[in-house]
């Protein structure tokens, strides 16, 4: 049955509530996807660091010849100079 005059019942409040729930669900889904993406990026960064992290300091671009290691010229190392 319809309303008092045979028309359709007023469902605008229910429709507004459904729209609000859909919007909230959409925001929650997007937040979950962003969190998942961030976690995956962190895991990838950790794996990359594990694979090649040790070579970074030894083969520094700031040295002229990184493959040869440190030059032990006088006055350039820490400790006593004998």
PDB file of N, CA and C in Angstrom:
ATOM      1  N   UNK A   1       0.820  -1.178   0.000  1.00  0.00           N
ATOM      2  CA  UNK A   1       0.000   0.000   0.000  1.00  0.00           C
ATOM      3  C   UNK A   1       0.859   1.233   0.000  1.00  0.00           C
ATOM      4  N   UNK A   2       0.305   2.304  -0.333  1.00  0.00           N
ATOM      5  CA  UNK A   2       1.038   3.543  -0.436  1.00  0.00           C
ATOM      6  C   UNK A   2       0.832   4.412   0.767  1.00  0.00           C
ATOM      7  N   UNK A   3       0.911   5.703   0.567  1.00  0.00           N
ATOM      8  CA  UNK A   3       0.704   6.664   1.635  1.00  0.00           C
ATOM      9  C   UNK A   3      -0.776   6.878   1.875  1.00  0.00           C
ATOM     10  N   UNK A   4      -1.117   7.941   2.535  1.00  0.00           N
ATOM     11  CA  UNK A   4      -2.494   8.242   2.879  1.00  0.00           C
ATOM     12  C   UNK A   4      -3.321   8.560   1.640  1.00  0.00           C
ATOM     13  N   UNK A   5      -2.707   9.064   0.581  1.00  0.00           N
ATOM     14  CA  UNK A   5      -3.450   9.427  -0.612  1.00  0.00           C
ATOM     15  C   UNK A   5      -3.150   8.506  -1.784  1.00  0.00           C
ATOM     16  N   UNK A   6      -2.536   7.354  -1.505  1.00  0.00           N
ATOM     17  CA  UNK A   6      -2.287   6.395  -2.562  1.00  0.00           C
ATOM     18  C   UNK A   6      -0.979   6.616  -3.293  1.00  0.00           C
ATOM     19  N   UNK A   7      -0.150   7.528  -2.813  1.00  0.00           N
ATOM     20  CA  UNK A   7       1.144   7.786  -3.450  1.00  0.00           C
ATOM     21  C   UNK A   7       2.230   6.883  -2.858  1.00  0.00           C
ATOM     22  N   UNK A   8       3.411   7.095  -3.290  1.00  0.00           N
ATOM     23  CA  UNK A   8       4.513   6.303  -2.775  1.00  0.00           C
ATOM     24  C   UNK A   8       4.958   6.871  -1.431  1.00  0.00           C
ATOM     25  N   UNK A   9       5.476   6.006  -0.544  1.00  0.00           N
ATOM     26  CA  UNK A   9       5.946   6.504   0.759  1.00  0.00           C
ATOM     27  C   UNK A   9       7.224   7.321   0.593  1.00  0.00           C
ATOM     28  N   UNK A  10       7.455   8.209   1.527  1.00  0.00           N
ATOM     29  CA  UNK A  10       8.634   9.071   1.489  1.00  0.00           C
ATOM     30  C   UNK A  10       9.846   8.269   1.967  1.00  0.00           C
ATOM     31  N   UNK A  11      10.768   8.009   1.066  1.00  0.00           N
ATOM     32  CA  UNK A  11      11.959   7.219   1.403  1.00  0.00           C
ATOM     33  C   UNK A  11      13.234   8.056   1.309  1.00  0.00           C
ATOM     34  N   UNK A  12      13.076   9.358   1.304  1.00  0.00           N
ATOM     35  CA  UNK A  12      14.251  10.218   1.138  1.00  0.00           C
ATOM     36  C   UNK A  12      15.228  10.083   2.306  1.00  0.00           C
ATOM     37  N   UNK A  13      14.716   9.896   3.518  1.00  0.00           N
ATOM     38  CA  UNK A  13      15.593   9.752   4.684  1.00  0.00           C
ATOM     39  C   UNK A  13      16.390   8.459   4.583  1.00  0.00           C
ATOM     40  N   UNK A  14      15.742   7.382   4.191  1.00  0.00           N
ATOM     41  CA  UNK A  14      16.424   6.095   4.045  1.00  0.00           C
ATOM     42  C   UNK A  14      17.446   6.154   2.912  1.00  0.00           C
ATOM     43  N   UNK A  15      17.076   6.829   1.814  1.00  0.00           N
ATOM     44  CA  UNK A  15      18.013   6.964   0.695  1.00  0.00           C
ATOM     45  C   UNK A  15      19.227   7.793   1.092  1.00  0.00           C
ATOM     46  N   UNK A  16      19.033   8.836   1.871  1.00  0.00           N
ATOM     47  CA  UNK A  16      20.130   9.664   2.340  1.00  0.00           C
ATOM     48  C   UNK A  16      21.048   8.859   3.260  1.00  0.00           C
ATOM     49  N   UNK A  17      20.458   8.042   4.106  1.00  0.00           N
ATOM     50  CA  UNK A  17      21.244   7.204   5.008  1.00  0.00           C
ATOM     51  C   UNK A  17      22.062   6.177   4.206  1.00  0.00           C
ATOM     52  N   UNK A  18      21.447   5.584   3.202  1.00  0.00           N
ATOM     53  CA  UNK A  18      22.165   4.630   2.348  1.00  0.00           C
ATOM     54  C   UNK A  18      23.319   5.308   1.611  1.00  0.00           C
ATOM     55  N   UNK A  19      23.081   6.504   1.125  1.00  0.00           N
ATOM     56  CA  UNK A  19      24.134   7.234   0.429  1.00  0.00           C
ATOM     57  C   UNK A  19      25.291   7.541   1.377  1.00  0.00           C
ATOM     58  N   UNK A  20      24.966   7.929   2.604  1.00  0.00           N
ATOM     59  CA  UNK A  20      26.003   8.216   3.594  1.00  0.00           C
ATOM     60  C   UNK A  20      26.791   6.950   3.922  1.00  0.00           C
ATOM     61  N   UNK A  21      26.111   5.823   4.046  1.00  0.00           N
ATOM     62  CA  UNK A  21      26.791   4.560   4.330  1.00  0.00           C
ATOM     63  C   UNK A  21      27.701   4.159   3.170  1.00  0.00           C
ATOM     64  N   UNK A  22      27.224   4.350   1.956  1.00  0.00           N
ATOM     65  CA  UNK A  22      28.050   4.022   0.787  1.00  0.00           C
ATOM     66  C   UNK A  22      29.301   4.897   0.731  1.00  0.00           C
ATOM     67  N   UNK A  23      29.140   6.171   1.031  1.00  0.00           N
ATOM     68  CA  UNK A  23      30.275   7.094   1.036  1.00  0.00           C
ATOM     69  C   UNK A  23      31.285   6.705   2.118  1.00  0.00           C
ATOM     70  N   UNK A  24      30.784   6.356   3.289  1.00  0.00           N
ATOM     71  CA  UNK A  24      31.663   5.940   4.384  1.00  0.00           C
ATOM     72  C   UNK A  24      32.395   4.640   4.032  1.00  0.00           C
ATOM     73  N   UNK A  25      31.702   3.718   3.404  1.00  0.00           N
ATOM     74  CA  UNK A  25      32.314   2.463   2.972  1.00  0.00           C
ATOM     75  C   UNK A  25      33.383   2.727   1.925  1.00  0.00           C
ATOM     76  N   UNK A  26      33.098   3.651   1.017  1.00  0.00           N
ATOM     77  CA  UNK A  26      34.061   4.003  -0.023  1.00  0.00           C
ATOM     78  C   UNK A  26      35.324   4.605   0.593  1.00  0.00           C
ATOM     79  N   UNK A  27      35.161   5.510   1.569  1.00  0.00           N
ATOM     80  CA  UNK A  27      36.311   6.111   2.246  1.00  0.00           C
ATOM     81  C   UNK A  27      37.119   5.062   2.995  1.00  0.00           C
ATOM     82  N   UNK A  28      36.425   4.147   3.675  1.00  0.00           N
ATOM     83  CA  UNK A  28      37.115   3.094   4.420  1.00  0.00           C
ATOM     84  C   UNK A  28      37.891   2.179   3.473  1.00  0.00           C
ATOM     85  N   UNK A  29      37.300   1.867   2.332  1.00  0.00           N
ATOM     86  CA  UNK A  29      37.968   1.006   1.351  1.00  0.00           C
ATOM     87  C   UNK A  29      39.220   1.689   0.798  1.00  0.00           C
ATOM     88  N   UNK A  30      39.108   2.978   0.495  1.00  0.00           N
ATOM     89  CA  UNK A  30      40.259   3.727  -0.019  1.00  0.00           C
ATOM     90  C   UNK A  30      41.366   3.824   1.028  1.00  0.00           C
ATOM     91  N   UNK A  31      40.978   4.029   2.298  1.00  0.00           N
ATOM     92  CA  UNK A  31      41.969   4.101   3.366  1.00  0.00           C
ATOM     93  C   UNK A  31      42.674   2.753   3.532  1.00  0.00           C
ATOM     94  N   UNK A  32      41.922   1.667   3.437  1.00  0.00           N
ATOM     95  CA  UNK A  32      42.516   0.330   3.553  1.00  0.00           C
ATOM     96  C   UNK A  32      43.465   0.064   2.393  1.00  0.00           C
ATOM     97  N   UNK A  33      43.097   0.487   1.194  1.00  0.00           N
ATOM     98  CA  UNK A  33      43.969   0.302   0.033  1.00  0.00           C
ATOM     99  C   UNK A  33      45.246   1.128   0.175  1.00  0.00           C
ATOM    100  N   UNK A  34      45.131   2.339   0.687  1.00  0.00           N
ATOM    101  CA  UNK A  34      46.306   3.194   0.881  1.00  0.00           C
ATOM    102  C   UNK A  34      47.230   2.579   1.929  1.00  0.00           C
ATOM    103  N   UNK A  35      46.664   2.052   2.987  1.00  0.00           N
ATOM    104  CA  UNK A  35      47.462   1.415   4.036  1.00  0.00           C
ATOM    105  C   UNK A  35      48.168   0.173   3.492  1.00  0.00           C
ATOM    106  N   UNK A  36      47.448  -0.604   2.693  1.00  0.00           N
ATOM    107  CA  UNK A  36      48.040  -1.798   2.087  1.00  0.00           C
ATOM    108  C   UNK A  36      49.176  -1.414   1.146  1.00  0.00           C
ATOM    109  N   UNK A  37      48.974  -0.364   0.356  1.00  0.00           N
ATOM    110  CA  UNK A  37      50.004   0.103  -0.567  1.00  0.00           C
ATOM    111  C   UNK A  37      51.241   0.570   0.197  1.00  0.00           C
ATOM    112  N   UNK A  38      51.038   1.317   1.296  1.00  0.00           N
ATOM    113  CA  UNK A  38      52.160   1.781   2.108  1.00  0.00           C
ATOM    114  C   UNK A  38      52.934   0.608   2.702  1.00  0.00           C
ATOM    115  N   UNK A  39      52.212  -0.396   3.183  1.00  0.00           N
ATOM    116  CA  UNK A  39      52.859  -1.569   3.759  1.00  0.00           C
ATOM    117  C   UNK A  39      53.670  -2.315   2.704  1.00  0.00           C
ATOM    118  N   UNK A  40      53.133  -2.430   1.501  1.00  0.00           N
ATOM    119  CA  UNK A  40      53.857  -3.096   0.428  1.00  0.00           C
ATOM    120  C   UNK A  40      55.114  -2.315   0.049  1.00  0.00           C
ATOM    121  N   UNK A  41      55.020  -0.990   0.031  1.00  0.00           N
ATOM    122  CA  UNK A  41      56.180  -0.160  -0.281  1.00  0.00           C
ATOM    123  C   UNK A  41      57.259  -0.309   0.786  1.00  0.00           C
ATOM    124  N   UNK A  42      56.847  -0.372   2.053  1.00  0.00           N
ATOM    125  CA  UNK A  42      57.803  -0.559   3.134  1.00  0.00           C
ATOM    126  C   UNK A  42      58.487  -1.919   3.027  1.00  0.00           C
ATOM    127  N   UNK A  43      57.720  -2.950   2.728  1.00  0.00           N
ATOM    128  CA  UNK A  43      58.295  -4.288   2.586  1.00  0.00           C
ATOM    129  C   UNK A  43      59.273  -4.335   1.420  1.00  0.00           C
ATOM    130  N   UNK A  44      58.930  -3.689   0.319  1.00  0.00           N
ATOM    131  CA  UNK A  44      59.815  -3.655  -0.842  1.00  0.00           C
ATOM    132  C   UNK A  44      61.100  -2.904  -0.507  1.00  0.00           C
ATOM    133  N   UNK A  45      60.991  -1.827   0.242  1.00  0.00           N
ATOM    134  CA  UNK A  45      62.175  -1.059   0.625  1.00  0.00           C
ATOM    135  C   UNK A  45      63.077  -1.886   1.541  1.00  0.00           C
ATOM    136  N   UNK A  46      62.490  -2.634   2.463  1.00  0.00           N
ATOM    137  CA  UNK A  46      63.289  -3.488   3.346  1.00  0.00           C
ATOM    138  C   UNK A  46      64.001  -4.575   2.557  1.00  0.00           C
ATOM    139  N   UNK A  47      63.298  -5.178   1.609  1.00  0.00           N
ATOM    140  CA  UNK A  47      63.920  -6.222   0.795  1.00  0.00           C
ATOM    141  C   UNK A  47      65.058  -5.650  -0.045  1.00  0.00           C
ATOM    142  N   UNK A  48      64.860  -4.463  -0.596  1.00  0.00           N
ATOM    143  CA  UNK A  48      65.904  -3.823  -1.394  1.00  0.00           C
ATOM    144  C   UNK A  48      67.106  -3.506  -0.517  1.00  0.00           C
ATOM    145  N   UNK A  49      66.871  -3.047   0.687  1.00  0.00           N
ATOM    146  CA  UNK A  49      67.966  -2.731   1.602  1.00  0.00           C
ATOM    147  C   UNK A  49      68.729  -3.989   1.981  1.00  0.00           C
ATOM    148  N   UNK A  50      68.021  -5.083   2.184  1.00  0.00           N
ATOM    149  CA  UNK A  50      68.684  -6.341   2.514  1.00  0.00           C
ATOM    150  C   UNK A  50      69.550  -6.840   1.367  1.00  0.00           C
ATOM    151  N   UNK A  51      69.069  -6.677   0.143  1.00  0.00           N
ATOM    152  CA  UNK A  51      69.808  -7.172  -1.023  1.00  0.00           C
ATOM    153  C   UNK A  51      71.083  -6.396  -1.263  1.00  0.00           C
ATOM    154  N   UNK A  52      71.025  -5.091  -1.227  1.00  0.00           N
ATOM    155  CA  UNK A  52      72.176  -4.290  -1.622  1.00  0.00           C
ATOM    156  C   UNK A  52      72.609  -3.274  -0.599  1.00  0.00           C
ATOM    157  N   UNK A  53      72.170  -3.390   0.615  1.00  0.00           N
ATOM    158  CA  UNK A  53      72.474  -2.377   1.621  1.00  0.00           C
ATOM    159  C   UNK A  53      73.930  -2.333   2.023  1.00  0.00           C
ATOM    160  N   UNK A  54      74.633  -3.465   2.012  1.00  0.00           N
ATOM    161  CA  UNK A  54      76.005  -3.499   2.460  1.00  0.00           C
ATOM    162  C   UNK A  54      76.972  -2.865   1.490  1.00  0.00           C
ATOM    163  N   UNK A  55      76.652  -2.787   0.236  1.00  0.00           N
ATOM    164  CA  UNK A  55      77.565  -2.267  -0.773  1.00  0.00           C
ATOM    165  C   UNK A  55      77.573  -0.746  -0.833  1.00  0.00           C
ATOM    166  N   UNK A  56      76.545  -0.137  -0.302  1.00  0.00           N
ATOM    167  CA  UNK A  56      76.394   1.301  -0.461  1.00  0.00           C
ATOM    168  C   UNK A  56      77.556   2.070   0.171  1.00  0.00           C
ATOM    169  N   UNK A  57      77.938   1.758   1.386  1.00  0.00           N
ATOM    170  CA  UNK A  57      78.990   2.504   2.065  1.00  0.00           C
ATOM    171  C   UNK A  57      80.377   2.150   1.517  1.00  0.00           C
ATOM    172  N   UNK A  58      80.583   0.905   1.120  1.00  0.00           N
ATOM    173  CA  UNK A  58      81.890   0.506   0.626  1.00  0.00           C
ATOM    174  C   UNK A  58      82.179   1.087  -0.746  1.00  0.00           C
ATOM    175  N   UNK A  59      81.191   1.133  -1.586  1.00  0.00           N
ATOM    176  CA  UNK A  59      81.378   1.639  -2.939  1.00  0.00           C
ATOM    177  C   UNK A  59      80.756   3.021  -3.076  1.00  0.00           C
ATOM    178  N   UNK A  60      81.185   3.908  -2.222  1.00  0.00           N
ATOM    179  CA  UNK A  60      80.639   5.254  -2.213  1.00  0.00           C
ATOM    180  C   UNK A  60      81.112   6.038  -3.434  1.00  0.00           C
ATOM    181  N   UNK A  61      80.243   6.840  -3.988  1.00  0.00           N
ATOM    182  CA  UNK A  61      80.595   7.680  -5.130  1.00  0.00           C
ATOM    183  C   UNK A  61      81.484   8.853  -4.725  1.00  0.00           C
ATOM    184  N   UNK A  62      81.596   9.130  -3.421  1.00  0.00           N
ATOM    185  CA  UNK A  62      82.415  10.257  -2.978  1.00  0.00           C
ATOM    186  C   UNK A  62      83.899   9.938  -3.040  1.00  0.00           C
ATOM    187  N   UNK A  63      84.267   8.665  -3.118  1.00  0.00           N
ATOM    188  CA  UNK A  63      85.675   8.282  -3.249  1.00  0.00           C
ATOM    189  C   UNK A  63      86.061   8.294  -4.722  1.00  0.00           C
ATOM    190  N   UNK A  64      87.322   8.552  -4.961  1.00  0.00           N
ATOM    191  CA  UNK A  64      87.802   8.564  -6.338  1.00  0.00           C
ATOM    192  C   UNK A  64      87.828   7.160  -6.922  1.00  0.00           C
ATOM    193  N   UNK A  65      88.301   6.208  -6.151  1.00  0.00           N
ATOM    194  CA  UNK A  65      88.357   4.808  -6.593  1.00  0.00           C
ATOM    195  C   UNK A  65      87.719   3.942  -5.510  1.00  0.00           C
ATOM    196  N   UNK A  66      86.430   3.773  -5.533  1.00  0.00           N
ATOM    197  CA  UNK A  66      85.751   3.067  -4.448  1.00  0.00           C
ATOM    198  C   UNK A  66      86.130   1.591  -4.347  1.00  0.00           C
ATOM    199  N   UNK A  67      86.581   0.976  -5.439  1.00  0.00           N
ATOM    200  CA  UNK A  67      86.892  -0.438  -5.403  1.00  0.00           C
ATOM    201  C   UNK A  67      88.165  -0.728  -4.613  1.00  0.00           C
ATOM    202  N   UNK A  68      89.067   0.262  -4.520  1.00  0.00           N
ATOM    203  CA  UNK A  68      90.349   0.037  -3.849  1.00  0.00           C
ATOM    204  C   UNK A  68      90.254   0.216  -2.344  1.00  0.00           C
ATOM    205  N   UNK A  69      89.208   0.770  -1.830  1.00  0.00           N
ATOM    206  CA  UNK A  69      89.079   0.964  -0.387  1.00  0.00           C
ATOM    207  C   UNK A  69      89.655   2.289   0.042  1.00  0.00           C
ATOM    208  N   UNK A  70      90.022   2.363   1.321  1.00  0.00           N
ATOM    209  CA  UNK A  70      90.550   3.607   1.878  1.00  0.00           C
ATOM    210  C   UNK A  70      92.037   3.736   1.586  1.00  0.00           C
ATOM    211  N   UNK A  71      92.469   4.942   1.293  1.00  0.00           N
ATOM    212  CA  UNK A  71      93.889   5.217   1.156  1.00  0.00           C
ATOM    213  C   UNK A  71      94.453   5.439   2.549  1.00  0.00           C
ATOM    214  N   UNK A  72      95.589   4.843   2.825  1.00  0.00           N
ATOM    215  CA  UNK A  72      96.174   4.989   4.152  1.00  0.00           C
ATOM    216  C   UNK A  72      97.316   5.982   4.113  1.00  0.00           C
ATOM    217  N   UNK A  73      97.018   7.131   3.584  1.00  0.00           N
ATOM    218  CA  UNK A  73      98.010   8.191   3.568  1.00  0.00           C
ATOM    219  C   UNK A  73      98.157   8.757   4.965  1.00  0.00           C
ATOM    220  N   UNK A  74      99.322   9.334   5.196  1.00  0.00           N
ATOM    221  CA  UNK A  74      99.618   9.869   6.522  1.00  0.00           C
ATOM    222  C   UNK A  74      98.674  11.031   6.851  1.00  0.00           C
ATOM    223  N   UNK A  75      98.112  10.979   8.042  1.00  0.00           N
ATOM    224  CA  UNK A  75      97.259  12.049   8.505  1.00  0.00           C
ATOM    225  C   UNK A  75      95.802  11.918   8.095  1.00  0.00           C
ATOM    226  N   UNK A  76      95.467  10.898   7.360  1.00  0.00           N
ATOM    227  CA  UNK A  76      94.083  10.766   6.921  1.00  0.00           C
ATOM    228  C   UNK A  76      93.319   9.707   7.710  1.00  0.00           C
ATOM    229  N   UNK A  77      93.986   8.963   8.579  1.00  0.00           N
ATOM    230  CA  UNK A  77      93.304   7.935   9.362  1.00  0.00           C
ATOM    231  C   UNK A  77      93.256   8.347  10.808  1.00  0.00           C
ATOM    232  N   UNK A  78      92.366   7.764  11.548  1.00  0.00           N
ATOM    233  CA  UNK A  78      92.259   8.039  12.976  1.00  0.00           C
ATOM    234  C   UNK A  78      93.304   7.222  13.721  1.00  0.00           C
ATOM    235  N   UNK A  79      93.693   7.663  14.868  1.00  0.00           N
ATOM    236  CA  UNK A  79      94.649   6.919  15.666  1.00  0.00           C
ATOM    237  C   UNK A  79      96.017   7.598  15.639  1.00  0.00           C
ATOM    238  N   UNK A  80      97.014   6.845  16.109  1.00  0.00           N
ATOM    239  CA  UNK A  80      98.356   7.416  16.186  1.00  0.00           C
ATOM    240  C   UNK A  80      99.052   7.330  14.842  1.00  0.00           C
ATOM    241  N   UNK A  81      99.841   8.280  14.532  1.00  0.00           N
ATOM    242  CA  UNK A  81     100.625   8.300  13.306  1.00  0.00           C
ATOM    243  C   UNK A  81     102.084   8.026  13.685  1.00  0.00           C
ATOM    244  N   UNK A  82     102.535   6.814  13.471  1.00  0.00           N
ATOM    245  CA  UNK A  82     103.917   6.453  13.823  1.00  0.00           C
ATOM    246  C   UNK A  82     104.771   6.342  12.603  1.00  0.00           C
TER     247      UNK A  82
END
